[in-house]
Each structure stands twice: as structure tokens, then as C-alpha cells.
Protein backbone atom coordinates (compact mmCIF):
# COMPACT_ATOMS: atom_id res chain seq x y z
CA MET A 1 -113.68 30.21 -17.50
CA GLY A 2 -110.13 31.54 -17.30
CA TYR A 3 -110.68 34.90 -19.00
CA ASP A 4 -112.41 38.16 -18.02
CA PRO A 5 -116.05 37.76 -19.14
CA ARG A 6 -118.02 40.99 -19.20
CA MET A 7 -121.59 41.73 -20.09
CA ASN A 8 -122.23 45.18 -21.57
CA ILE A 9 -125.52 47.07 -21.53
CA HIS A 10 -126.85 50.10 -23.39
CA GLU A 11 -126.67 53.65 -22.07
CA TYR A 12 -130.43 53.84 -21.57
CA GLN A 13 -130.24 50.70 -19.42
CA SER A 14 -127.34 52.19 -17.44
CA ARG A 15 -129.52 55.26 -16.85
CA GLU A 16 -132.30 53.03 -15.53
CA LEU A 17 -129.88 51.64 -12.97
CA LEU A 18 -128.59 55.09 -12.03
CA GLU A 19 -132.14 56.28 -11.47
CA LYS A 20 -132.97 53.16 -9.44
CA TYR A 21 -130.11 54.10 -7.09
CA GLY A 22 -131.22 57.73 -6.89
CA ILE A 23 -128.58 59.24 -9.17
CA PRO A 24 -130.16 62.17 -11.07
CA THR A 25 -130.09 62.06 -14.87
CA PRO A 26 -131.82 64.21 -17.52
CA PRO A 27 -135.15 62.72 -18.69
CA GLY A 28 -135.10 60.66 -21.89
CA LYS A 29 -136.86 57.98 -23.88
CA VAL A 30 -135.76 55.07 -26.08
CA VAL A 31 -137.15 55.17 -29.64
CA LEU A 32 -137.11 52.73 -32.55
CA ASN A 33 -138.19 54.94 -35.48
CA THR A 34 -138.24 58.53 -36.69
CA ALA A 35 -141.85 59.22 -35.65
CA GLU A 36 -141.12 58.09 -32.10
CA ALA A 37 -138.04 60.34 -32.03
CA ALA A 38 -140.12 63.40 -32.93
CA LEU A 39 -142.77 62.53 -30.35
CA ALA A 40 -140.13 61.96 -27.68
CA PHE A 41 -138.65 65.42 -28.26
CA SER A 42 -142.08 67.05 -28.17
CA ASP A 43 -142.81 65.24 -24.89
CA LEU A 44 -139.55 66.51 -23.39
CA GLN A 45 -140.56 70.05 -24.35
CA LYS A 46 -144.05 69.77 -22.85
CA ARG A 47 -143.37 67.78 -19.70
CA HIS A 48 -139.86 68.94 -18.83
CA ARG A 49 -139.62 72.32 -20.60
CA ALA A 50 -136.55 71.11 -22.48
CA LYS A 51 -135.19 73.71 -24.88
CA LEU A 52 -132.60 71.36 -26.34
CA GLY A 53 -132.48 67.64 -27.03
CA VAL A 54 -129.76 65.10 -27.70
CA VAL A 55 -130.17 62.02 -29.90
CA LYS A 56 -127.81 59.16 -29.02
CA ALA A 57 -127.23 55.88 -30.88
CA GLN A 58 -127.62 52.92 -28.53
CA VAL A 59 -124.80 50.50 -29.30
CA HIS A 60 -122.28 48.63 -27.17
CA ALA A 61 -119.37 50.91 -28.10
CA GLY A 62 -117.77 54.05 -26.77
CA GLY A 63 -116.69 57.09 -28.76
CA ARG A 64 -120.16 57.51 -30.29
CA GLY A 65 -119.81 61.28 -30.55
CA LYS A 66 -116.69 60.92 -32.68
CA GLY A 67 -118.58 58.67 -35.10
CA GLY A 68 -121.64 60.90 -35.43
CA GLY A 69 -123.72 58.86 -33.01
CA VAL A 70 -124.54 61.77 -30.69
CA LYS A 71 -126.26 64.88 -32.07
CA LEU A 72 -128.01 67.91 -30.58
CA VAL A 73 -131.45 68.90 -31.87
CA ASN A 74 -133.64 71.96 -31.31
CA THR A 75 -136.98 70.84 -32.74
CA ALA A 76 -139.09 67.73 -33.21
CA ASP A 77 -138.44 67.91 -36.96
CA GLU A 78 -134.69 67.94 -36.31
CA ALA A 79 -135.07 64.92 -34.02
CA ARG A 80 -136.97 63.10 -36.78
CA LYS A 81 -134.30 64.00 -39.38
CA VAL A 82 -131.35 62.99 -37.18
CA ALA A 83 -133.06 59.72 -36.24
CA GLY A 84 -133.46 58.93 -39.95
CA GLU A 85 -129.75 59.53 -40.46
CA MET A 86 -128.79 57.12 -37.66
CA LEU A 87 -131.32 54.29 -37.64
CA GLY A 88 -130.52 51.35 -39.89
CA LYS A 89 -126.99 52.64 -40.54
CA ASN A 90 -123.67 51.32 -39.26
CA LEU A 91 -121.95 53.47 -36.66
CA ILE A 92 -118.17 53.46 -36.82
CA THR A 93 -116.24 54.55 -33.73
CA PRO A 94 -112.73 53.88 -32.36
CA GLN A 95 -114.25 51.00 -30.38
CA THR A 96 -116.18 49.22 -33.17
CA PRO A 97 -114.99 46.84 -35.88
CA PRO A 98 -113.89 48.61 -39.10
CA GLU A 99 -117.29 48.04 -40.67
CA GLY A 100 -119.05 49.54 -37.62
CA VAL A 101 -122.13 48.26 -35.79
CA PRO A 102 -125.80 48.64 -36.81
CA VAL A 103 -127.98 51.17 -34.99
CA SER A 104 -131.51 49.98 -34.19
CA LYS A 105 -132.30 52.01 -31.06
CA LEU A 106 -131.89 55.67 -30.11
CA LEU A 107 -132.09 57.56 -26.84
CA VAL A 108 -133.74 60.97 -27.11
CA ALA A 109 -132.87 62.90 -23.95
CA ALA A 110 -133.21 66.44 -22.68
CA GLY A 111 -130.17 68.61 -23.21
CA VAL A 112 -128.83 70.53 -20.22
CA GLU A 113 -126.58 73.54 -19.81
CA ILE A 114 -123.14 72.54 -18.57
CA ALA A 115 -120.97 74.71 -16.35
CA LYS A 116 -118.31 72.05 -15.65
CA GLU A 117 -117.65 68.40 -16.53
CA TYR A 118 -116.15 65.66 -14.34
CA TYR A 119 -115.25 61.97 -14.63
CA LEU A 120 -116.46 59.46 -12.04
CA ALA A 121 -116.19 55.68 -12.07
CA VAL A 122 -115.92 52.60 -9.89
CA VAL A 123 -113.55 49.94 -11.21
CA VAL A 124 -111.76 46.85 -9.92
CA ASP A 125 -108.14 47.40 -8.93
CA ARG A 126 -106.71 43.95 -9.64
CA ALA A 127 -103.33 44.80 -8.15
CA GLY A 128 -104.87 45.97 -4.90
CA GLY A 129 -107.66 43.40 -4.94
CA THR A 130 -110.36 45.95 -4.16
CA PRO A 131 -112.91 48.22 -5.85
CA VAL A 132 -111.67 51.76 -6.43
CA LEU A 133 -113.49 55.04 -6.98
CA MET A 134 -111.72 56.96 -9.74
CA ALA A 135 -112.48 60.62 -10.32
CA SER A 136 -111.12 63.57 -12.28
CA ALA A 137 -112.09 67.17 -12.95
CA GLU A 138 -111.14 66.47 -16.59
CA GLY A 139 -114.48 64.89 -17.50
CA GLY A 140 -115.86 64.48 -20.99
CA MET A 141 -112.51 63.25 -22.31
CA ASP A 142 -110.97 59.79 -22.72
CA ILE A 143 -109.78 58.83 -19.25
CA GLU A 144 -106.94 56.80 -20.83
CA GLU A 145 -105.57 59.98 -22.37
CA ILE A 146 -105.78 61.83 -19.04
CA ALA A 147 -104.05 58.93 -17.26
CA GLN A 148 -101.12 59.19 -19.68
CA THR A 149 -100.78 62.96 -19.96
CA LYS A 150 -102.00 64.18 -16.53
CA PRO A 151 -102.02 61.28 -14.04
CA GLU A 152 -102.03 63.76 -11.17
CA ALA A 153 -105.51 64.89 -12.28
CA ILE A 154 -107.01 61.52 -11.25
CA ILE A 155 -107.76 60.48 -7.68
CA HIS A 156 -108.02 56.80 -6.74
CA GLN A 157 -110.02 56.06 -3.58
CA PRO A 158 -110.12 52.37 -2.49
CA ILE A 159 -113.57 51.16 -1.41
CA SER A 160 -114.33 48.57 1.25
CA PRO A 161 -116.39 45.79 -0.38
CA VAL A 162 -117.99 45.24 3.06
CA VAL A 163 -119.02 48.76 4.17
CA GLY A 164 -118.77 50.59 0.85
CA LEU A 165 -117.59 54.17 0.47
CA ARG A 166 -117.27 56.00 3.79
CA PRO A 167 -118.65 59.56 4.13
CA TYR A 168 -115.24 61.15 4.76
CA GLU A 169 -113.84 59.38 1.68
CA ALA A 170 -116.60 60.79 -0.51
CA ARG A 171 -116.00 64.30 0.82
CA LYS A 172 -112.26 63.94 0.22
CA VAL A 173 -112.89 63.05 -3.44
CA ALA A 174 -115.43 65.88 -3.82
CA PHE A 175 -112.95 68.44 -2.47
CA PHE A 176 -110.19 67.06 -4.72
CA LEU A 177 -112.45 67.63 -7.72
CA GLY A 178 -113.10 71.23 -6.67
CA PHE A 179 -116.80 70.97 -5.78
CA GLN A 180 -117.98 73.86 -3.62
CA GLY A 181 -120.93 74.73 -1.42
CA GLY A 182 -124.02 72.65 -2.06
CA GLN A 183 -122.23 70.80 -4.85
CA VAL A 184 -120.19 68.85 -2.28
CA ARG A 185 -123.25 67.21 -0.71
CA GLN A 186 -124.76 66.39 -4.12
CA ALA A 187 -121.52 64.94 -5.50
CA ALA A 188 -120.78 62.91 -2.35
CA LYS A 189 -124.28 61.42 -2.45
CA ILE A 190 -123.84 60.39 -6.09
CA MET A 191 -120.49 58.77 -5.23
CA HIS A 192 -122.14 56.70 -2.47
CA GLN A 193 -124.96 55.67 -4.79
CA LEU A 194 -122.59 54.71 -7.60
CA CYS A 195 -120.49 52.57 -5.23
CA ASP A 196 -123.63 50.86 -3.92
CA LEU A 197 -124.75 50.13 -7.49
CA PHE A 198 -121.35 48.68 -8.33
CA LEU A 199 -121.24 46.37 -5.32
CA ASP A 200 -124.89 45.30 -5.44
CA THR A 201 -124.90 44.35 -9.13
CA ASP A 202 -121.51 42.57 -9.39
CA ALA A 203 -120.35 45.20 -11.86
CA ASN A 204 -116.87 45.31 -13.39
CA LEU A 205 -117.23 48.98 -14.32
CA ALA A 206 -119.70 51.72 -13.35
CA GLU A 207 -118.72 54.92 -15.14
CA ILE A 208 -120.29 58.37 -15.39
CA ASN A 209 -118.60 60.48 -18.05
CA PRO A 210 -119.39 63.23 -17.85
CA LEU A 211 -120.77 64.02 -14.44
CA ILE A 212 -121.74 67.66 -14.80
CA VAL A 213 -122.66 70.76 -12.82
CA THR A 214 -125.32 73.04 -14.31
CA PRO A 215 -125.23 76.83 -14.04
CA PRO A 216 -126.82 78.30 -10.87
CA THR A 217 -130.62 78.63 -10.66
CA ASP A 218 -133.03 79.80 -7.97
CA GLU A 219 -133.66 76.17 -7.00
CA TYR A 220 -129.97 75.21 -7.16
CA PRO A 221 -127.93 78.34 -6.35
CA ASP A 222 -124.70 76.31 -6.55
CA GLY A 223 -125.81 74.43 -9.68
CA ARG A 224 -127.13 70.89 -9.95
CA VAL A 225 -124.89 67.80 -10.19
CA LEU A 226 -126.16 65.37 -12.86
CA ALA A 227 -125.03 62.22 -14.68
CA ILE A 228 -125.56 62.76 -18.41
CA ASP A 229 -123.79 59.67 -19.78
CA ALA A 230 -123.08 56.30 -18.23
CA LYS A 231 -121.37 53.03 -19.05
CA ILE A 232 -121.78 49.94 -16.88
CA ASN A 233 -120.69 46.36 -17.47
CA PHE A 234 -120.94 43.27 -15.32
CA ASP A 235 -119.22 40.00 -14.43
CA GLU A 236 -120.94 37.31 -16.51
CA ASN A 237 -120.00 34.71 -13.91
CA ALA A 238 -122.28 36.45 -11.39
CA LEU A 239 -125.36 36.74 -13.61
CA PHE A 240 -126.98 33.69 -11.98
CA ARG A 241 -127.79 35.96 -9.01
CA GLN A 242 -128.61 39.11 -11.00
CA ASP A 243 -132.01 38.59 -12.60
CA GLN A 244 -132.53 42.25 -13.57
CA ILE A 245 -129.08 42.52 -15.13
CA ARG A 246 -129.52 39.29 -17.06
CA GLY A 247 -132.71 40.79 -18.49
CA PHE A 248 -130.65 43.62 -20.00
CA GLU A 249 -128.83 41.28 -22.42
CA ASP A 250 -129.18 42.30 -26.07
CA PRO A 251 -128.31 39.36 -28.36
CA ALA A 252 -128.31 41.69 -31.38
CA GLU A 253 -125.20 43.39 -29.97
CA GLU A 254 -123.22 40.16 -29.59
CA ASP A 255 -120.87 38.73 -32.17
CA PRO A 256 -122.73 35.65 -33.55
CA ALA A 257 -119.69 33.40 -33.17
CA GLU A 258 -119.12 34.52 -29.58
CA ALA A 259 -122.79 33.97 -28.78
CA HIS A 260 -122.58 30.49 -30.37
CA ALA A 261 -119.54 29.69 -28.26
CA LYS A 262 -121.20 30.91 -25.08
CA ARG A 263 -124.10 28.48 -25.57
CA PHE A 264 -121.62 25.57 -25.36
CA GLY A 265 -119.59 26.96 -22.45
CA LEU A 266 -116.68 28.03 -24.66
CA SER A 267 -114.63 31.20 -24.31
CA TYR A 268 -114.14 32.63 -27.80
CA ILE A 269 -112.87 35.97 -29.06
CA LYS A 270 -112.30 36.61 -32.76
CA LEU A 271 -108.96 38.12 -33.79
CA ASP A 272 -107.52 39.34 -37.10
CA GLY A 273 -105.14 36.50 -38.02
CA ASN A 274 -105.50 33.32 -40.09
CA ILE A 275 -104.49 30.52 -37.68
CA GLY A 276 -107.42 29.15 -35.69
CA CYS A 277 -106.54 28.07 -32.15
CA LEU A 278 -108.27 25.46 -30.01
CA VAL A 279 -106.75 25.21 -26.54
CA ASN A 280 -107.82 24.22 -23.02
CA GLY A 281 -107.00 26.84 -20.43
CA ALA A 282 -106.72 30.61 -20.83
CA GLY A 283 -103.04 30.75 -19.88
CA LEU A 284 -102.18 28.00 -22.35
CA ALA A 285 -104.28 29.76 -24.99
CA MET A 286 -102.32 33.00 -24.47
CA ALA A 287 -99.03 31.10 -24.63
CA THR A 288 -100.18 29.38 -27.84
CA MET A 289 -101.00 32.71 -29.48
CA ASP A 290 -97.66 34.12 -28.37
CA ILE A 291 -95.65 31.27 -29.84
CA ILE A 292 -97.62 31.43 -33.10
CA LYS A 293 -96.62 35.09 -33.41
CA LEU A 294 -93.03 34.24 -32.41
CA HIS A 295 -92.82 31.96 -35.44
CA GLY A 296 -94.30 34.52 -37.82
CA GLY A 297 -97.98 33.54 -37.72
CA GLU A 298 -101.10 35.44 -36.68
CA PRO A 299 -103.77 33.85 -34.45
CA ALA A 300 -107.34 34.12 -35.73
CA ASN A 301 -108.97 33.69 -32.34
CA PHE A 302 -108.71 33.06 -28.64
CA LEU A 303 -110.66 29.87 -27.91
CA ASP A 304 -110.55 28.15 -24.54
CA VAL A 305 -112.62 24.95 -24.41
CA GLY A 306 -112.13 24.78 -20.64
CA GLY A 307 -111.08 21.96 -18.40
CA SER A 308 -114.17 19.78 -18.69
CA ALA A 309 -115.34 20.29 -22.28
CA SER A 310 -117.48 17.54 -23.76
CA GLU A 311 -116.93 16.02 -27.19
CA GLU A 312 -119.99 17.94 -28.41
CA ALA A 313 -118.58 21.26 -27.18
CA VAL A 314 -115.19 20.64 -28.78
CA THR A 315 -116.88 19.68 -32.07
CA GLU A 316 -118.78 22.99 -31.95
CA ALA A 317 -115.49 24.75 -31.24
CA PHE A 318 -114.09 23.40 -34.51
CA ARG A 319 -117.28 24.47 -36.28
CA ILE A 320 -116.91 28.02 -34.94
CA ILE A 321 -113.25 28.21 -35.96
CA LEU A 322 -113.82 26.88 -39.46
CA ASP A 323 -116.80 29.19 -40.04
CA ASP A 324 -114.31 32.06 -40.03
CA VAL A 325 -113.40 32.59 -43.69
CA ASN A 326 -110.05 34.06 -42.67
CA VAL A 327 -108.87 30.82 -41.07
CA LYS A 328 -106.29 29.08 -43.27
CA GLY A 329 -105.09 26.58 -40.68
CA VAL A 330 -106.04 25.20 -37.24
CA LEU A 331 -103.67 24.54 -34.35
CA VAL A 332 -104.90 22.35 -31.50
CA ASN A 333 -102.91 22.52 -28.25
CA ILE A 334 -104.27 20.38 -25.42
CA PHE A 335 -102.75 19.56 -22.07
CA GLY A 336 -105.03 16.77 -20.89
CA GLY A 337 -106.23 16.92 -17.32
CA ILE A 338 -109.94 16.92 -16.67
CA ALA A 339 -110.37 17.31 -20.43
CA LYS A 340 -108.73 14.05 -21.50
CA CYS A 341 -106.69 13.85 -24.68
CA ASP A 342 -108.80 11.01 -26.08
CA THR A 343 -111.93 13.21 -25.76
CA ILE A 344 -110.23 15.83 -27.91
CA ALA A 345 -109.06 13.21 -30.40
CA SER A 346 -112.59 11.85 -30.66
CA ALA A 347 -113.91 15.37 -31.23
CA ILE A 348 -111.33 15.94 -33.99
CA ILE A 349 -112.48 12.75 -35.73
CA THR A 350 -116.15 13.72 -35.34
CA ALA A 351 -115.51 17.24 -36.59
CA ALA A 352 -113.70 15.83 -39.61
CA LYS A 353 -116.83 13.87 -40.50
CA GLU A 354 -119.38 16.59 -39.70
CA VAL A 355 -117.49 19.78 -40.56
CA GLY A 356 -114.55 18.68 -42.67
CA PHE A 357 -110.98 19.95 -42.56
CA LYS A 358 -109.92 21.53 -45.83
CA VAL A 359 -107.11 23.50 -44.18
CA PRO A 360 -103.94 22.29 -42.42
CA LEU A 361 -104.66 20.85 -38.96
CA VAL A 362 -101.74 20.63 -36.52
CA VAL A 363 -102.44 18.81 -33.25
CA ARG A 364 -100.30 18.78 -30.12
CA LEU A 365 -101.61 16.60 -27.27
CA GLU A 366 -100.04 15.88 -23.91
CA GLY A 367 -101.34 14.60 -20.58
CA THR A 368 -104.13 12.22 -19.56
CA ASN A 369 -104.77 9.38 -22.05
CA VAL A 370 -102.35 10.89 -24.58
CA ALA A 371 -101.15 7.48 -25.85
CA LYS A 372 -104.72 6.38 -26.57
CA ALA A 373 -105.43 9.73 -28.28
CA ARG A 374 -102.40 9.43 -30.56
CA GLN A 375 -103.46 5.91 -31.57
CA MET A 376 -106.94 7.23 -32.41
CA LEU A 377 -105.53 10.02 -34.58
CA GLU A 378 -103.07 7.69 -36.30
CA LYS A 379 -105.93 5.33 -37.20
CA ALA A 380 -108.04 8.26 -38.50
CA GLN A 381 -105.18 9.80 -40.50
CA PRO A 382 -106.38 8.44 -43.89
CA ASP A 383 -109.73 10.19 -43.38
CA ILE A 384 -108.10 13.48 -42.30
CA PRO A 385 -105.37 14.11 -44.89
CA THR A 386 -104.58 17.62 -43.61
CA LEU A 387 -103.80 16.31 -40.08
CA VAL A 388 -100.25 16.68 -38.74
CA VAL A 389 -99.28 15.57 -35.21
CA ALA A 390 -96.73 17.72 -33.36
CA HIS A 391 -94.42 16.65 -30.53
CA ASP A 392 -94.57 19.90 -28.53
CA LEU A 393 -95.88 23.46 -28.80
CA THR A 394 -92.84 24.85 -30.58
CA ASP A 395 -92.99 21.99 -33.08
CA ALA A 396 -96.71 22.69 -33.57
CA ALA A 397 -96.17 26.39 -34.26
CA ARG A 398 -93.35 25.68 -36.70
CA LYS A 399 -95.36 23.05 -38.58
CA MET A 400 -98.39 25.33 -38.83
CA THR A 401 -96.50 28.38 -40.10
CA SER A 402 -94.54 26.18 -42.52
CA ALA A 403 -97.76 24.63 -43.86
CA LEU A 404 -99.25 28.08 -44.51
CA ALA A 405 -96.06 29.32 -46.14
CA ALA A 406 -95.89 26.36 -48.51
């Protein structure tokens, strides 16, 4: 596809995976209304002797606590009240759009006493070309902030994609984090299990933040190591072999335009500008956005139609772009290879008939069948009065920004 496609899942689904791999988490239940929230808390009290509960909004965004999406409760009535305050409302966090995202599901989980918090994650090190176990004793905070202010507080342990995390590597990380006594064995086991989960499921990220140690008890004299929050996302290109993961998809959490694009094999990401971009190839798309900004414009989207897009897919691409009310102009930049220039030209003509171009349309074509494509556009010019043909990418960017400034 040319970009980095990731599939996100909810926290409660991440917990299901952690539990499947033997990683201990506090008990919890997903609820859809206030009555279920109250019953879930009562069940935690009866079955697990929970003295405290936590109600968490289930959305595909981090920073929920900062937006009021994570709240502690002490009674079933409190759980019911907090659920009523969250459900059906938009949650705004540093990772959501300005208007926030709607909350339709909650996780009601048992609260636990925390003696110490840690950060643990498996990520892909693109520079090293290998998975890496990242860990820090500064858990519960934004890892990006720790990386900037205290990089020495983070350990990076490369993982063999063939044999996984080795026992001595897990112990090394555990000792770096300051685990002691029985905590070392518990933490090392969780590290192994998290690495196995990451490799088995084609994950891009498997994060536990925080990983915690509870105060000592008779059963756990050194405290118990638990995962109380998790975030996992996956490589969409590998979903064909991940039936369980594919079943975790939640269409309600996807941007409608991005979901529309996905159905036609298009790579689309909405941005904040007003110049719609239709390009083939991720690198060319990035270069197109850069040159638009260089000439004073703002791209409204990243849209890669790919190397073998059909006329139908390209027509849908125009439909997606023009459905964005912020788009005041469209720039097409195609280097014809597998996707021939005349296919794009035909799609432009079809889109003009089916969708209509009421905004400036600047087209730059080069490559396979470009002469035929230019003849097609020239013939269709009377029916597409906003169409302007550009000689190269710089010319296209200048013509588009000039048209919007006029």
C-alpha cells in the first residue's frame, strides 16, 4: 500500500489477548448502559472482593484519563452515575479530533493498590529492522515525554523474531527496572508472554502502561506484577492470517471516509488543509503535499490510489475528496506505470459526470499512455471548465495555489 496501515483495538480486547497469553490483569467487564455498569461493579465486589472499581471509556484514543474518560468508583451507584456521564458523550483527549469521539462502551474493572508503576512495550525498530522490548521504571506517564527528558530511564532490548525473547534478556530488563525477589520471575514471565503475543499476532505495538506491582500480601510477599492498561495495534496487511484479530475490528471507531477508501483499496488520511490530493504512490503523495506547502498551500488529505487502481477506484477517490467540505481545489499528480495515465484521465471524465467538479482541478500526468491521456482531457475540457493541465509538479502546485488565491 505504501504507507503504514495499522488496525487499533479497544483496551478490553487488548486485555482479552493478554489473558489468552497468560498475562495477569484485574478482572473487568464491558458494559453498554448504566444498569450494566452498576451490576458489573456489584459482581466485582461479590466474586473478586473488589473494594474499588475503575470505569474506562472504550475508544481508539490514548490520554483518556486527561479527558475524563477514566474514573474511580467506590459503589455500584457511583458506577451507574459515572457511566451516565460518559456514555453517549464525546470524549476529547490529546489524541482525538477537536470535537472528540463518541463513547458507546465502557470497561468496569476492579481497582488495585499500586506500590510501583512501570512501562513495558514491544515495538518495531525500523532502523534496526527488528522487534524491540522497551521498558522503563517511569510507568504511567507518556513514554514520549520520558524519551525526551530522561532517555537513560528507558532500556531497549532487541528481540529475535525467530526465537523470541531469551531468558537472560528478560532477566536483564527486569533487573534494570529494579524488580526484586519474586517480582523478577513474574516480570520476566510477562515479558516473554508479551513478546510471544507481539510475534504471533503480527502486531505493530503491544504496550502495557502501566505494568504495576501491588503491595505485599501473604500470597505474594514481594507483591504481584499485573498489567492494568494495555494498547495493541496490528499490521493491516497481515490480517488475512489473523482471524481473531480481524474479528476485533470496530467500524464505529473508523473515520467514515477512511473506511470508504479502504473498501476500494485506497490509502486515505484526512488532513486539515483545503487542497485535495490524488496521487499514485506514497512517496509521490508525500512529495506532492510537501510542494503544496512550499508554495503556500495546505493539503486536505493523503490519498494514494496505488499502482494498479481501477477506474472505479479512482472515481471513488474523487468522490471521497470532494465529500470533504473543506476542499476548495483538487490536485492530481500521477506518474503512470501500472496505473496508466489514460485510466486516470478516464476516471477524471467519469467523476466529472457522476460527482461534478465545482472547484479548481489541476492535473499533472506523466508516464505510460500520457499522450493519449492528455488528448482525452483536452477533448473533455468543455465539460470540465475548472480543469487545468500542468506540465510538472511545481507547475501544478503553483497553478493550484494561484487558483485558490484568485
